[in-house]
Structures are given as C-alpha cells and as structure tokens.
PDB file of all heavy atoms in Angstrom:
ATOM      1  N   LEU A   1       0.831  -1.188  -0.001  1.00  0.00           N
ATOM      2  CA  LEU A   1      -0.022   0.011  -0.016  1.00  0.00           C
ATOM      3  C   LEU A   1       0.870   1.237   0.005  1.00  0.00           C
ATOM      4  O   LEU A   1       0.525   2.208  -0.573  1.00  0.00           O
ATOM      5  CB  LEU A   1      -0.914  -0.028   1.158  1.00  0.00           C
ATOM      6  CG  LEU A   1      -1.992   1.052   1.157  1.00  0.00           C
ATOM      7  CD1 LEU A   1      -2.996   0.855   0.068  1.00  0.00           C
ATOM      8  CD2 LEU A   1      -2.768   1.079   2.574  1.00  0.00           C
ATOM      9  N   LYS A   2       2.034   1.134   0.661  1.00  0.00           N
ATOM     10  CA  LYS A   2       3.006   2.304   0.666  1.00  0.00           C
ATOM     11  C   LYS A   2       3.318   2.704  -0.764  1.00  0.00           C
ATOM     12  O   LYS A   2       3.413   3.847  -1.041  1.00  0.00           O
ATOM     13  CB  LYS A   2       4.186   1.918   1.427  1.00  0.00           C
ATOM     14  CG  LYS A   2       5.244   3.047   1.443  1.00  0.00           C
ATOM     15  CD  LYS A   2       6.504   2.693   2.211  1.00  0.00           C
ATOM     16  CE  LYS A   2       7.567   3.840   2.260  1.00  0.00           C
ATOM     17  NZ  LYS A   2       7.958   4.265   0.770  1.00  0.00           N
ATOM     18  N   ALA A   3       3.560   1.653  -1.653  1.00  0.00           N
ATOM     19  CA  ALA A   3       3.913   1.984  -3.039  1.00  0.00           C
ATOM     20  C   ALA A   3       2.869   2.661  -3.713  1.00  0.00           C
ATOM     21  O   ALA A   3       3.090   3.585  -4.638  1.00  0.00           O
ATOM     22  CB  ALA A   3       4.314   0.616  -3.739  1.00  0.00           C
ATOM     23  N   HIS A   4       1.551   2.242  -3.466  1.00  0.00           N
ATOM     24  CA  HIS A   4       0.477   2.890  -4.046  1.00  0.00           C
ATOM     25  C   HIS A   4       0.312   4.419  -3.577  1.00  0.00           C
ATOM     26  O   HIS A   4       0.062   5.327  -4.414  1.00  0.00           O
ATOM     27  CB  HIS A   4      -0.861   2.249  -3.915  1.00  0.00           C
ATOM     28  CG  HIS A   4      -1.941   2.630  -4.820  1.00  0.00           C
ATOM     29  ND1 HIS A   4      -2.821   3.700  -4.556  1.00  0.00           N
ATOM     30  CD2 HIS A   4      -2.203   2.168  -6.084  1.00  0.00           C
ATOM     31  CE1 HIS A   4      -3.574   3.835  -5.599  1.00  0.00           C
ATOM     32  NE2 HIS A   4      -3.272   2.979  -6.595  1.00  0.00           N
ATOM     33  N   LYS A   5       0.584   4.621  -2.331  1.00  0.00           N
ATOM     34  CA  LYS A   5       0.560   5.995  -1.781  1.00  0.00           C
ATOM     35  C   LYS A   5       1.654   6.835  -2.524  1.00  0.00           C
ATOM     36  O   LYS A   5       1.407   7.950  -2.778  1.00  0.00           O
ATOM     37  CB  LYS A   5       0.756   5.885  -0.225  1.00  0.00           C
ATOM     38  CG  LYS A   5      -0.462   5.356   0.414  1.00  0.00           C
ATOM     39  CD  LYS A   5      -0.181   5.427   1.996  1.00  0.00           C
ATOM     40  CE  LYS A   5      -1.465   4.871   2.735  1.00  0.00           C
ATOM     41  NZ  LYS A   5      -1.287   4.830   4.207  1.00  0.00           N
ATOM     42  N   ASP A   6       2.872   6.130  -2.606  1.00  0.00           N
ATOM     43  CA  ASP A   6       3.989   6.869  -3.239  1.00  0.00           C
ATOM     44  C   ASP A   6       3.592   7.270  -4.696  1.00  0.00           C
ATOM     45  O   ASP A   6       3.853   8.365  -5.180  1.00  0.00           O
ATOM     46  CB  ASP A   6       5.208   6.077  -3.319  1.00  0.00           C
ATOM     47  CG  ASP A   6       5.787   6.082  -1.817  1.00  0.00           C
ATOM     48  OD1 ASP A   6       5.456   6.922  -0.978  1.00  0.00           O
ATOM     49  OD2 ASP A   6       6.700   5.139  -1.538  1.00  0.00           O
ATOM     50  N   GLY A   7       2.954   6.259  -5.450  1.00  0.00           N
ATOM     51  CA  GLY A   7       2.449   6.547  -6.799  1.00  0.00           C
ATOM     52  C   GLY A   7       1.453   7.763  -6.720  1.00  0.00           C
ATOM     53  O   GLY A   7       1.494   8.593  -7.609  1.00  0.00           O
ATOM     54  N   SER A   8       0.610   7.747  -5.741  1.00  0.00           N
ATOM     55  CA  SER A   8      -0.389   8.857  -5.666  1.00  0.00           C
ATOM     56  C   SER A   8       0.263  10.144  -5.468  1.00  0.00           C
ATOM     57  O   SER A   8      -0.244  11.251  -5.934  1.00  0.00           O
ATOM     58  CB  SER A   8      -1.351   8.453  -4.476  1.00  0.00           C
ATOM     59  OG  SER A   8      -2.022   7.255  -4.731  1.00  0.00           O
ATOM     60  N   ARG A   9       1.433  10.156  -4.694  1.00  0.00           N
ATOM     61  CA  ARG A   9       2.134  11.427  -4.542  1.00  0.00           C
ATOM     62  C   ARG A   9       2.646  11.955  -5.885  1.00  0.00           C
ATOM     63  O   ARG A   9       2.577  13.132  -6.078  1.00  0.00           O
ATOM     64  CB  ARG A   9       3.263  11.189  -3.523  1.00  0.00           C
ATOM     65  CG  ARG A   9       2.836  10.982  -2.020  1.00  0.00           C
ATOM     66  CD  ARG A   9       3.949  10.834  -1.090  1.00  0.00           C
ATOM     67  NE  ARG A   9       3.449  10.881   0.263  1.00  0.00           N
ATOM     68  CZ  ARG A   9       3.175   9.821   0.982  1.00  0.00           C
ATOM     69  NH1 ARG A   9       3.364   8.647   0.541  1.00  0.00           N
ATOM     70  NH2 ARG A   9       2.753   9.971   2.258  1.00  0.00           N
ATOM     71  N   PHE A  10       3.282  11.050  -6.627  1.00  0.00           N
ATOM     72  CA  PHE A  10       3.688  11.527  -8.002  1.00  0.00           C
ATOM     73  C   PHE A  10       2.522  11.973  -8.858  1.00  0.00           C
ATOM     74  O   PHE A  10       2.647  12.841  -9.675  1.00  0.00           O
ATOM     75  CB  PHE A  10       4.524  10.454  -8.646  1.00  0.00           C
ATOM     76  CG  PHE A  10       5.831  10.233  -8.033  1.00  0.00           C
ATOM     77  CD1 PHE A  10       6.177   9.114  -7.345  1.00  0.00           C
ATOM     78  CD2 PHE A  10       6.794  11.247  -8.254  1.00  0.00           C
ATOM     79  CE1 PHE A  10       7.520   8.977  -6.862  1.00  0.00           C
ATOM     80  CE2 PHE A  10       8.168  11.029  -7.807  1.00  0.00           C
ATOM     81  CZ  PHE A  10       8.471   9.875  -7.088  1.00  0.00           C
ATOM     82  N   TRP A  11       1.422  11.227  -8.665  1.00  0.00           N
ATOM     83  CA  TRP A  11       0.200  11.736  -9.454  1.00  0.00           C
ATOM     84  C   TRP A  11      -0.222  13.174  -9.079  1.00  0.00           C
ATOM     85  O   TRP A  11      -0.570  13.851  -9.877  1.00  0.00           O
ATOM     86  CB  TRP A  11      -0.925  10.673  -9.116  1.00  0.00           C
ATOM     87  CG  TRP A  11      -2.188  11.013  -9.846  1.00  0.00           C
ATOM     88  CD1 TRP A  11      -2.492  10.863 -11.189  1.00  0.00           C
ATOM     89  CD2 TRP A  11      -3.432  11.436  -9.314  1.00  0.00           C
ATOM     90  NE1 TRP A  11      -3.786  11.270 -11.443  1.00  0.00           N
ATOM     91  CE2 TRP A  11      -4.385  11.625 -10.304  1.00  0.00           C
ATOM     92  CE3 TRP A  11      -3.804  11.743  -7.987  1.00  0.00           C
ATOM     93  CZ2 TRP A  11      -5.680  12.066 -10.165  1.00  0.00           C
ATOM     94  CZ3 TRP A  11      -5.076  12.163  -7.779  1.00  0.00           C
ATOM     95  CH2 TRP A  11      -6.019  12.278  -8.858  1.00  0.00           C
ATOM     96  N   VAL A  12      -0.226  13.407  -7.799  1.00  0.00           N
ATOM     97  CA  VAL A  12      -0.617  14.727  -7.314  1.00  0.00           C
ATOM     98  C   VAL A  12       0.428  15.886  -7.885  1.00  0.00           C
ATOM     99  O   VAL A  12      -0.046  16.847  -8.239  1.00  0.00           O
ATOM    100  CB  VAL A  12      -0.622  14.827  -5.806  1.00  0.00           C
ATOM    101  CG1 VAL A  12      -0.725  16.273  -5.257  1.00  0.00           C
ATOM    102  CG2 VAL A  12      -1.758  13.967  -5.188  1.00  0.00           C
ATOM    103  N   LYS A  13       1.681  15.411  -7.998  1.00  0.00           N
ATOM    104  CA  LYS A  13       2.671  16.405  -8.466  1.00  0.00           C
ATOM    105  C   LYS A  13       2.520  16.631  -9.991  1.00  0.00           C
ATOM    106  O   LYS A  13       3.029  17.611 -10.508  1.00  0.00           O
ATOM    107  CB  LYS A  13       3.981  15.791  -8.166  1.00  0.00           C
ATOM    108  CG  LYS A  13       4.505  15.777  -6.783  1.00  0.00           C
ATOM    109  CD  LYS A  13       5.819  15.189  -6.505  1.00  0.00           C
ATOM    110  CE  LYS A  13       6.197  15.045  -5.072  1.00  0.00           C
ATOM    111  NZ  LYS A  13       7.438  14.259  -4.912  1.00  0.00           N
ATOM    112  N   ASP A  14       1.881  15.657 -10.644  1.00  0.00           N
ATOM    113  CA  ASP A  14       1.689  15.740 -12.141  1.00  0.00           C
ATOM    114  C   ASP A  14       0.629  16.734 -12.389  1.00  0.00           C
ATOM    115  O   ASP A  14      -0.488  16.368 -12.712  1.00  0.00           O
ATOM    116  CB  ASP A  14       1.475  14.416 -12.666  1.00  0.00           C
ATOM    117  CG  ASP A  14       1.454  14.417 -14.186  1.00  0.00           C
ATOM    118  OD1 ASP A  14       2.184  15.231 -14.894  1.00  0.00           O
ATOM    119  OD2 ASP A  14       0.771  13.568 -14.799  1.00  0.00           O
ATOM    120  N   LYS A  15       1.005  18.037 -12.405  1.00  0.00           N
ATOM    121  CA  LYS A  15      -0.056  19.116 -12.595  1.00  0.00           C
ATOM    122  C   LYS A  15      -0.460  19.254 -14.119  1.00  0.00           C
ATOM    123  O   LYS A  15       0.412  19.302 -14.929  1.00  0.00           O
ATOM    124  CB  LYS A  15       0.561  20.429 -12.099  1.00  0.00           C
ATOM    125  CG  LYS A  15       0.962  20.414 -10.686  1.00  0.00           C
ATOM    126  CD  LYS A  15      -0.178  20.202  -9.635  1.00  0.00           C
ATOM    127  CE  LYS A  15       0.225  20.309  -8.174  1.00  0.00           C
ATOM    128  NZ  LYS A  15      -0.812  20.105  -7.321  1.00  0.00           N
ATOM    129  N   GLY A  16      -1.725  19.417 -14.267  1.00  0.00           N
ATOM    130  CA  GLY A  16      -2.255  19.670 -15.565  1.00  0.00           C
ATOM    131  C   GLY A  16      -1.899  18.849 -16.725  1.00  0.00           C
ATOM    132  O   GLY A  16      -1.639  19.256 -17.812  1.00  0.00           O
ATOM    133  N   PRO A  17      -1.908  17.450 -16.544  1.00  0.00           N
ATOM    134  CA  PRO A  17      -1.555  16.636 -17.685  1.00  0.00           C
ATOM    135  C   PRO A  17      -2.724  16.641 -18.724  1.00  0.00           C
ATOM    136  O   PRO A  17      -3.825  16.914 -18.357  1.00  0.00           O
ATOM    137  CB  PRO A  17      -1.537  15.206 -16.991  1.00  0.00           C
ATOM    138  CG  PRO A  17      -2.451  15.306 -15.937  1.00  0.00           C
ATOM    139  CD  PRO A  17      -2.246  16.688 -15.289  1.00  0.00           C
ATOM    140  N   VAL A  18      -2.357  16.379 -19.957  1.00  0.00           N
ATOM    141  CA  VAL A  18      -3.354  16.318 -21.000  1.00  0.00           C
ATOM    142  C   VAL A  18      -4.142  15.137 -20.925  1.00  0.00           C
ATOM    143  O   VAL A  18      -5.449  15.160 -21.054  1.00  0.00           O
ATOM    144  CB  VAL A  18      -2.704  16.471 -22.453  1.00  0.00           C
ATOM    145  CG1 VAL A  18      -3.740  16.241 -23.461  1.00  0.00           C
ATOM    146  CG2 VAL A  18      -1.924  17.769 -22.611  1.00  0.00           C
ATOM    147  N   VAL A  19      -3.540  14.009 -20.570  1.00  0.00           N
ATOM    148  CA  VAL A  19      -4.243  12.707 -20.317  1.00  0.00           C
ATOM    149  C   VAL A  19      -4.101  12.421 -18.821  1.00  0.00           C
ATOM    150  O   VAL A  19      -2.969  12.341 -18.332  1.00  0.00           O
ATOM    151  CB  VAL A  19      -3.560  11.597 -21.182  1.00  0.00           C
ATOM    152  CG1 VAL A  19      -4.215  10.307 -20.776  1.00  0.00           C
ATOM    153  CG2 VAL A  19      -3.721  11.844 -22.653  1.00  0.00           C
ATOM    154  N   GLU A  20      -5.268  12.314 -18.202  1.00  0.00           N
ATOM    155  CA  GLU A  20      -5.321  12.177 -16.715  1.00  0.00           C
ATOM    156  C   GLU A  20      -5.792  10.751 -16.486  1.00  0.00           C
ATOM    157  O   GLU A  20      -6.662  10.179 -17.090  1.00  0.00           O
ATOM    158  CB  GLU A  20      -6.302  13.218 -16.134  1.00  0.00           C
ATOM    159  CG  GLU A  20      -6.292  13.086 -14.549  1.00  0.00           C
ATOM    160  CD  GLU A  20      -5.029  13.408 -13.949  1.00  0.00           C
ATOM    161  OE1 GLU A  20      -4.078  12.647 -13.847  1.00  0.00           O
ATOM    162  OE2 GLU A  20      -4.862  14.535 -13.375  1.00  0.00           O
ATOM    163  N   SER A  21      -5.167  10.087 -15.372  1.00  0.00           N
ATOM    164  CA  SER A  21      -5.579   8.686 -15.081  1.00  0.00           C
ATOM    165  C   SER A  21      -5.300   8.464 -13.573  1.00  0.00           C
ATOM    166  O   SER A  21      -4.254   8.961 -13.044  1.00  0.00           O
ATOM    167  CB  SER A  21      -4.900   7.674 -16.009  1.00  0.00           C
ATOM    168  OG  SER A  21      -5.289   6.382 -15.626  1.00  0.00           O
ATOM    169  N   TYR A  22      -6.105   7.621 -12.989  1.00  0.00           N
ATOM    170  CA  TYR A  22      -5.748   7.054 -11.656  1.00  0.00           C
ATOM    171  C   TYR A  22      -6.290   5.713 -11.564  1.00  0.00           C
ATOM    172  O   TYR A  22      -7.372   5.304 -12.102  1.00  0.00           O
ATOM    173  CB  TYR A  22      -6.454   8.025 -10.592  1.00  0.00           C
ATOM    174  CG  TYR A  22      -5.979   7.830  -9.170  1.00  0.00           C
ATOM    175  CD1 TYR A  22      -4.705   8.123  -8.857  1.00  0.00           C
ATOM    176  CD2 TYR A  22      -6.919   7.304  -8.218  1.00  0.00           C
ATOM    177  CE1 TYR A  22      -4.248   7.896  -7.527  1.00  0.00           C
ATOM    178  CE2 TYR A  22      -6.451   7.174  -6.938  1.00  0.00           C
ATOM    179  CZ  TYR A  22      -5.109   7.484  -6.619  1.00  0.00           C
ATOM    180  OH  TYR A  22      -4.719   7.351  -5.255  1.00  0.00           O
ATOM    181  N   ILE A  23      -5.570   4.743 -10.845  1.00  0.00           N
ATOM    182  CA  ILE A  23      -5.946   3.440 -10.793  1.00  0.00           C
ATOM    183  C   ILE A  23      -5.559   2.788  -9.506  1.00  0.00           C
ATOM    184  O   ILE A  23      -4.581   3.157  -8.925  1.00  0.00           O
ATOM    185  CB  ILE A  23      -5.064   2.704 -11.956  1.00  0.00           C
ATOM    186  CG1 ILE A  23      -5.614   1.255 -12.094  1.00  0.00           C
ATOM    187  CG2 ILE A  23      -3.685   2.731 -11.905  1.00  0.00           C
ATOM    188  CD1 ILE A  23      -5.125   0.546 -13.407  1.00  0.00           C
ATOM    189  N   GLY A  24      -6.413   1.836  -9.099  1.00  0.00           N
ATOM    190  CA  GLY A  24      -6.166   1.092  -7.853  1.00  0.00           C
ATOM    191  C   GLY A  24      -7.379   0.799  -7.100  1.00  0.00           C
ATOM    192  O   GLY A  24      -8.524   0.819  -7.573  1.00  0.00           O
ATOM    193  N   PHE A  25      -7.159   0.456  -5.771  1.00  0.00           N
ATOM    194  CA  PHE A  25      -8.238   0.152  -4.915  1.00  0.00           C
ATOM    195  C   PHE A  25      -8.620   1.461  -4.180  1.00  0.00           C
ATOM    196  O   PHE A  25      -7.899   1.836  -3.250  1.00  0.00           O
ATOM    197  CB  PHE A  25      -7.881  -0.987  -3.921  1.00  0.00           C
ATOM    198  CG  PHE A  25      -7.570  -2.273  -4.675  1.00  0.00           C
ATOM    199  CD1 PHE A  25      -6.301  -2.524  -5.120  1.00  0.00           C
ATOM    200  CD2 PHE A  25      -8.562  -3.198  -4.823  1.00  0.00           C
ATOM    201  CE1 PHE A  25      -6.020  -3.710  -5.890  1.00  0.00           C
ATOM    202  CE2 PHE A  25      -8.376  -4.415  -5.582  1.00  0.00           C
ATOM    203  CZ  PHE A  25      -6.981  -4.696  -5.997  1.00  0.00           C
ATOM    204  N   ILE A  26      -9.763   2.144  -4.610  1.00  0.00           N
ATOM    205  CA  ILE A  26      -9.858   3.540  -4.385  1.00  0.00           C
ATOM    206  C   ILE A  26     -10.985   3.817  -3.295  1.00  0.00           C
ATOM    207  O   ILE A  26     -10.835   4.472  -2.411  1.00  0.00           O
ATOM    208  CB  ILE A  26     -10.117   4.271  -5.643  1.00  0.00           C
ATOM    209  CG1 ILE A  26      -9.196   3.944  -6.803  1.00  0.00           C
ATOM    210  CG2 ILE A  26     -10.273   5.868  -5.416  1.00  0.00           C
ATOM    211  CD1 ILE A  26      -7.685   4.158  -6.380  1.00  0.00           C
ATOM    212  N   GLU A  27     -12.253   3.386  -3.680  1.00  0.00           N
ATOM    213  CA  GLU A  27     -13.438   3.777  -2.890  1.00  0.00           C
ATOM    214  C   GLU A  27     -13.903   2.613  -2.046  1.00  0.00           C
ATOM    215  O   GLU A  27     -14.020   1.467  -2.551  1.00  0.00           O
ATOM    216  CB  GLU A  27     -14.586   4.248  -3.820  1.00  0.00           C
ATOM    217  CG  GLU A  27     -14.129   5.420  -4.692  1.00  0.00           C
ATOM    218  CD  GLU A  27     -14.004   6.747  -3.898  1.00  0.00           C
ATOM    219  OE1 GLU A  27     -14.315   6.731  -2.628  1.00  0.00           O
ATOM    220  OE2 GLU A  27     -13.758   7.743  -4.514  1.00  0.00           O
ATOM    221  N   ASN A  28     -14.172   2.814  -0.752  1.00  0.00           N
ATOM    222  CA  ASN A  28     -14.707   1.756   0.107  1.00  0.00           C
ATOM    223  C   ASN A  28     -16.163   1.709   0.407  1.00  0.00           C
ATOM    224  O   ASN A  28     -16.655   1.355   1.499  1.00  0.00           O
ATOM    225  CB  ASN A  28     -13.921   1.865   1.437  1.00  0.00           C
ATOM    226  CG  ASN A  28     -13.928   3.174   2.119  1.00  0.00           C
ATOM    227  OD1 ASN A  28     -14.820   4.095   1.779  1.00  0.00           O
ATOM    228  ND2 ASN A  28     -13.049   3.488   2.910  1.00  0.00           N
ATOM    229  N   TYR A  29     -16.889   2.226  -0.600  1.00  0.00           N
ATOM    230  CA  TYR A  29     -18.386   2.306  -0.351  1.00  0.00           C
ATOM    231  C   TYR A  29     -19.023   0.869  -0.168  1.00  0.00           C
ATOM    232  O   TYR A  29     -20.020   0.745   0.531  1.00  0.00           O
ATOM    233  CB  TYR A  29     -19.016   2.986  -1.563  1.00  0.00           C
ATOM    234  CG  TYR A  29     -18.676   4.407  -1.766  1.00  0.00           C
ATOM    235  CD1 TYR A  29     -18.294   4.890  -3.002  1.00  0.00           C
ATOM    236  CD2 TYR A  29     -18.694   5.314  -0.738  1.00  0.00           C
ATOM    237  CE1 TYR A  29     -17.929   6.124  -3.283  1.00  0.00           C
ATOM    238  CE2 TYR A  29     -18.324   6.705  -1.037  1.00  0.00           C
ATOM    239  CZ  TYR A  29     -17.916   7.048  -2.278  1.00  0.00           C
ATOM    240  OH  TYR A  29     -17.630   8.336  -2.420  1.00  0.00           O
ATOM    241  N   ARG A  30     -18.482  -0.102  -0.885  1.00  0.00           N
ATOM    242  CA  ARG A  30     -19.208  -1.417  -0.938  1.00  0.00           C
ATOM    243  C   ARG A  30     -18.807  -2.397   0.019  1.00  0.00           C
ATOM    244  O   ARG A  30     -19.523  -3.398   0.248  1.00  0.00           O
ATOM    245  CB  ARG A  30     -19.103  -1.929  -2.452  1.00  0.00           C
ATOM    246  CG  ARG A  30     -19.485  -1.021  -3.482  1.00  0.00           C
ATOM    247  CD  ARG A  30     -19.558  -1.736  -4.869  1.00  0.00           C
ATOM    248  NE  ARG A  30     -20.922  -2.251  -5.083  1.00  0.00           N
ATOM    249  CZ  ARG A  30     -21.256  -2.923  -6.243  1.00  0.00           C
ATOM    250  NH1 ARG A  30     -20.339  -3.236  -7.114  1.00  0.00           N
ATOM    251  NH2 ARG A  30     -22.465  -3.382  -6.318  1.00  0.00           N
ATOM    252  N   ASP A  31     -17.798  -2.122   0.686  1.00  0.00           N
ATOM    253  CA  ASP A  31     -17.259  -3.026   1.894  1.00  0.00           C
ATOM    254  C   ASP A  31     -18.285  -2.836   3.022  1.00  0.00           C
ATOM    255  O   ASP A  31     -18.377  -1.708   3.396  1.00  0.00           O
ATOM    256  CB  ASP A  31     -15.897  -2.765   2.176  1.00  0.00           C
ATOM    257  CG  ASP A  31     -15.421  -3.479   3.495  1.00  0.00           C
ATOM    258  OD1 ASP A  31     -16.104  -4.555   3.751  1.00  0.00           O
ATOM    259  OD2 ASP A  31     -14.528  -3.018   4.121  1.00  0.00           O
ATOM    260  N   PRO A  32     -18.873  -3.839   3.450  1.00  0.00           N
ATOM    261  CA  PRO A  32     -19.839  -3.640   4.672  1.00  0.00           C
ATOM    262  C   PRO A  32     -19.209  -3.117   5.873  1.00  0.00           C
ATOM    263  O   PRO A  32     -19.834  -2.421   6.727  1.00  0.00           O
ATOM    264  CB  PRO A  32     -20.449  -4.967   4.802  1.00  0.00           C
ATOM    265  CG  PRO A  32     -19.628  -6.001   4.257  1.00  0.00           C
ATOM    266  CD  PRO A  32     -18.966  -5.226   3.023  1.00  0.00           C
ATOM    267  N   ALA A  33     -17.875  -3.339   5.959  1.00  0.00           N
ATOM    268  CA  ALA A  33     -17.121  -2.815   7.079  1.00  0.00           C
ATOM    269  C   ALA A  33     -16.466  -1.445   6.907  1.00  0.00           C
ATOM    270  O   ALA A  33     -16.043  -0.701   7.761  1.00  0.00           O
ATOM    271  CB  ALA A  33     -15.874  -3.724   7.382  1.00  0.00           C
ATOM    272  N   GLY A  34     -16.610  -0.944   5.527  1.00  0.00           N
ATOM    273  CA  GLY A  34     -16.283   0.449   5.250  1.00  0.00           C
ATOM    274  C   GLY A  34     -14.803   0.759   5.150  1.00  0.00           C
ATOM    275  O   GLY A  34     -14.345   1.870   5.223  1.00  0.00           O
ATOM    276  N   THR A  35     -13.882  -0.369   4.978  1.00  0.00           N
ATOM    277  CA  THR A  35     -12.556  -0.145   4.935  1.00  0.00           C
ATOM    278  C   THR A  35     -11.830  -0.612   3.757  1.00  0.00           C
ATOM    279  O   THR A  35     -10.836  -0.098   3.322  1.00  0.00           O
ATOM    280  CB  THR A  35     -11.817  -0.760   6.166  1.00  0.00           C
ATOM    281  OG1 THR A  35     -12.083  -2.125   6.300  1.00  0.00           O
ATOM    282  CG2 THR A  35     -12.322  -0.073   7.537  1.00  0.00           C
ATOM    283  N   ARG A  36     -12.350  -1.731   3.116  1.00  0.00           N
ATOM    284  CA  ARG A  36     -11.711  -2.297   1.952  1.00  0.00           C
ATOM    285  C   ARG A  36     -12.216  -1.670   0.686  1.00  0.00           C
ATOM    286  O   ARG A  36     -13.438  -1.300   0.587  1.00  0.00           O
ATOM    287  CB  ARG A  36     -11.865  -3.804   1.944  1.00  0.00           C
ATOM    288  CG  ARG A  36     -11.282  -4.487   3.173  1.00  0.00           C
ATOM    289  CD  ARG A  36     -11.723  -5.867   3.457  1.00  0.00           C
ATOM    290  NE  ARG A  36     -11.150  -6.253   4.748  1.00  0.00           N
ATOM    291  CZ  ARG A  36     -11.842  -5.965   5.938  1.00  0.00           C
ATOM    292  NH1 ARG A  36     -13.005  -5.283   5.948  1.00  0.00           N
ATOM    293  NH2 ARG A  36     -11.233  -6.341   7.001  1.00  0.00           N
ATOM    294  N   ALA A  37     -11.416  -1.470  -0.397  1.00  0.00           N
ATOM    295  CA  ALA A  37     -11.831  -0.682  -1.531  1.00  0.00           C
ATOM    296  C   ALA A  37     -12.065  -1.536  -2.740  1.00  0.00           C
ATOM    297  O   ALA A  37     -11.390  -2.501  -3.016  1.00  0.00           O
ATOM    298  CB  ALA A  37     -10.863   0.406  -1.735  1.00  0.00           C
ATOM    299  N   GLU A  38     -12.987  -0.979  -3.560  1.00  0.00           N
ATOM    300  CA  GLU A  38     -13.272  -1.606  -4.883  1.00  0.00           C
ATOM    301  C   GLU A  38     -12.204  -1.080  -5.844  1.00  0.00           C
ATOM    302  O   GLU A  38     -11.740   0.038  -5.723  1.00  0.00           O
ATOM    303  CB  GLU A  38     -14.639  -1.131  -5.311  1.00  0.00           C
ATOM    304  CG  GLU A  38     -15.072  -1.686  -6.626  1.00  0.00           C
ATOM    305  CD  GLU A  38     -16.494  -1.317  -7.002  1.00  0.00           C
ATOM    306  OE1 GLU A  38     -16.813  -0.118  -6.948  1.00  0.00           O
ATOM    307  OE2 GLU A  38     -17.307  -2.165  -7.382  1.00  0.00           O
ATOM    308  N   PHE A  39     -11.830  -1.937  -6.790  1.00  0.00           N
ATOM    309  CA  PHE A  39     -10.927  -1.581  -7.813  1.00  0.00           C
ATOM    310  C   PHE A  39     -11.658  -0.410  -8.681  1.00  0.00           C
ATOM    311  O   PHE A  39     -12.858  -0.603  -9.013  1.00  0.00           O
ATOM    312  CB  PHE A  39     -10.502  -2.669  -8.641  1.00  0.00           C
ATOM    313  CG  PHE A  39      -9.350  -2.364  -9.554  1.00  0.00           C
ATOM    314  CD1 PHE A  39      -8.015  -2.579  -9.276  1.00  0.00           C
ATOM    315  CD2 PHE A  39      -9.515  -1.784 -10.839  1.00  0.00           C
ATOM    316  CE1 PHE A  39      -6.973  -2.274 -10.017  1.00  0.00           C
ATOM    317  CE2 PHE A  39      -8.480  -1.420 -11.691  1.00  0.00           C
ATOM    318  CZ  PHE A  39      -7.156  -1.681 -11.258  1.00  0.00           C
ATOM    319  N   GLU A  40     -10.897   0.557  -9.105  1.00  0.00           N
ATOM    320  CA  GLU A  40     -11.412   1.642  -9.919  1.00  0.00           C
ATOM    321  C   GLU A  40     -10.398   2.205 -10.764  1.00  0.00           C
ATOM    322  O   GLU A  40      -9.248   2.329 -10.316  1.00  0.00           O
ATOM    323  CB  GLU A  40     -12.055   2.680  -9.025  1.00  0.00           C
ATOM    324  CG  GLU A  40     -12.544   3.910  -9.736  1.00  0.00           C
ATOM    325  CD  GLU A  40     -13.080   4.974  -8.687  1.00  0.00           C
ATOM    326  OE1 GLU A  40     -14.100   4.591  -8.053  1.00  0.00           O
ATOM    327  OE2 GLU A  40     -12.568   5.993  -8.639  1.00  0.00           O
ATOM    328  N   SER A  41     -10.664   2.640 -11.967  1.00  0.00           N
ATOM    329  CA  SER A  41      -9.651   3.238 -12.799  1.00  0.00           C
ATOM    330  C   SER A  41     -10.334   4.092 -13.850  1.00  0.00           C
ATOM    331  O   SER A  41     -11.393   3.718 -14.314  1.00  0.00           O
ATOM    332  CB  SER A  41      -8.710   2.285 -13.501  1.00  0.00           C
ATOM    333  OG  SER A  41      -7.611   2.853 -14.250  1.00  0.00           O
ATOM    334  N   PHE A  42      -9.774   5.260 -14.122  1.00  0.00           N
ATOM    335  CA  PHE A  42     -10.321   6.118 -15.180  1.00  0.00           C
ATOM    336  C   PHE A  42      -9.205   6.672 -16.032  1.00  0.00           C
ATOM    337  O   PHE A  42      -8.005   6.814 -15.627  1.00  0.00           O
ATOM    338  CB  PHE A  42     -11.196   7.230 -14.583  1.00  0.00           C
ATOM    339  CG  PHE A  42     -10.409   8.353 -13.894  1.00  0.00           C
ATOM    340  CD1 PHE A  42      -9.846   9.354 -14.661  1.00  0.00           C
ATOM    341  CD2 PHE A  42     -10.188   8.255 -12.559  1.00  0.00           C
ATOM    342  CE1 PHE A  42      -9.167  10.434 -14.006  1.00  0.00           C
ATOM    343  CE2 PHE A  42      -9.500   9.325 -11.936  1.00  0.00           C
ATOM    344  CZ  PHE A  42      -8.985  10.374 -12.586  1.00  0.00           C
TER     345      PHE A  42
END
C-alpha cells in the first residue's frame, strides 16, 4: 500500500496533464465494514 501511496504522490505532483488517469483500490463504499476498497480506474 505504501507503493500505491507513493504513486499517488507523484500523481498529485503531475499538474495539468493532457491525459489524466488514476488506478487502484480507491473507494470503500461497497465493503460492509467500510474499509476495503473496490478496484477503480479512469
């Protein structure tokens, strides 16, 4: 998870890209315990 957080840091630093994308286990809406995330990418 640390590596994904580090990737997210570089993503935040990438200001104003023409092609934008984010990928990983992002939103935890569907886990009944509210902590595990569904895979999502755009």
